[in-house]
Each structure stands twice: as structure tokens, then as C-alpha cells.
């Protein structure tokens, strides 16, 4: 089985990229803020960037080893690359764009991606979703052993994005190539990747399944990436084996997690309930504040209460007759929290 092995070090503008990773027949998503070094990793694998030091190996082949002076040209690396802007040739038809990647199987790829009817069209006549499919077909036409995807869905509108994400998910599952996916959208990463690596200022701060990152974030950025609320405070031992956290904004909350000193309390929106009055239940943590926003999301809604965002059903919002400005109580259990250290 081909396994892609990376060990890279490269000076970027304000920090040093240092990354080691192994990718088998799976998709590893690299997620992080803009400029964290994700695209530089793809370029180093493809041979478009020579890092200051490091190696890139696929199975028994060495594509790069700066210590031994090995640096194979891009065309000598079995890589399919989908660029963020798709990088299609505007003067060539869809058929010829895909054929540029590899002449064999062009008709099959066009049919597989549902773009056979566009074979004679040019990129300027295509929608964003169609251009994305052409770029992916061109990458696969090389019959690559490694697939690199740089923000493949970022240029698409919300409706098209969902449809193309589903198609891409099926293709990645069928191909089972070592795949590196760069995205800033955790939802895309969770849908497409087997594992997610969170890259911040050139360093991998956590690698795991999407579920592991949501349930046990290693730091505040990972927590916010997974959609969690983050409340900063100071922790100390509390009653009944709990940890008591004095919040920086005032108030006290309790967690079953262990921690001392300055910490972040991570609470996911779906673990927060909202009521007109403080409920008589097992939840220990209550935040009283006015509703500052209500954002409908299909049959759900995101309701902002003080420093917390709660995710409620649309029926609950209607039943409570919530409007912006209403005083309410947002509650969550001590078991619904995670504590992460703050720098």
C-alpha cells in the first residue's frame, strides 16, 4: 500500500512551517486560519515548492530529500492537483482541459462527473460547480497515486457547495488515494476527511477524527473550529469533585473536567438550552442575558445569549416566542463542558 510520508521545514513570512505526517489510503484535511501554511504543504508535495529542509516519500519512492539532494520535478511525481482557482486553460474546451491531465479515459471521467454534455464548452461558459468538476476530472486523468485538493469548494455558493461536496465525498471514497485536502471550513473537513489536522502558524496542534476534535479539542482554536462556545476564566477545585471556573466576564460555572489556572470552558451550542426562567433540572450552569440574535438554519436556529450560542429547534424558538432583546436563561450541564488551557 502506498503511504505518503512528509517531513517538512520551511521558513514562511512570519513563522516556520514544521510538519510531519503520514497519509495512507485516506483523506487528511489540513484546517486552520488563512496563511497558516496549508497550501505550502501541498506545493511541497507537488514539487512546486522546495522546502528549506525535509523529505517527501510515497511508498518506496523518494520524491524529495534535501539532505541527499533529491528533488524530483513536478511531472515526475504521480500527483493530481486541484488548485483553489481551478487553473483551467481558458482557450481549451472541457474535453481538452481534462485530456491535458491524461488522454486515456477522458470520456469515462466526463461521464463519471456528469459533464459529458459540456465536452465542447470552454471554462468561461461554465458555472463554478462545473469548473470544479472539470478540474477534478483533469486531476484524476493523470491516474495519480496522490491527490491534492486546495480549497476545492470555497468558490461555490451554498446550494452548489452541498451538492458538489456529496459528489466529491463519493469520489474520495471510491479512489481511496492518499489525499491531502486544504480547507478553512470544518464542515467540509468533517464531511470529506477521515482525519483532520489543525495547522496554526505552521504547527500541527492536533490531529484526529472530526469527532475527536469536537469532543476533545486540544486548544481554544480547535474548540472554536468545531463550533464550540469558549468562555475564558480561572479554574480551581470546586465542590463534589467538580472544577469551579470564575469567568472573566463575571459569574461562575462548573465542569467535570480537570483544570487549574487560566482555562477556556468549551460548550457546544447543542448542549445549551434556553428558557424564560431558570429550569429546575440537573444543569448547574446558568447564564442570564438578553437574546442578542436569532439566526434561522432550516428547521433549527442559532440563538445568541450573552457569551453563548445555543442551537435550538425552530419549534422551540416559536414555542418560547423568542425575540431579540428578551431576557432569558441559557443553561448547560457540567458534563457538557470541556476545559482547554489558555496561553
Foldseek 3Di string as FASTA:
>chain_A
DKKKWWFAWADDDPFIATDTDIFALFEEEEAEDPPLCQVVVVCCLLLNDPGPAIWIDIVPRTCDHVVVPHHHHNVVAQEQEQDQVRPFDQVAFLLVSLCVLPVPCSCVLCVLLVNNVRRGPGPVVDDLLNSLSSSVSSSCNNVGLEYEAEQSQVVDDPVSSVVSLVSLQVVSVVSSHRYYHYDNQLVSCLSRGQKYFYGGNNDGQDIGHSVCLCVAPAADVSLVNNQWQKFKFFWDQDPPCWIWTQTPVGDIAIANEDDGGIKIKTAHQQQKDKFADDDPDQFPDKDKAFWADWADDPQWIWTDGVSDTHIGGVVVCVVRVHDGGRIIMITGHNHRIDIYHDD
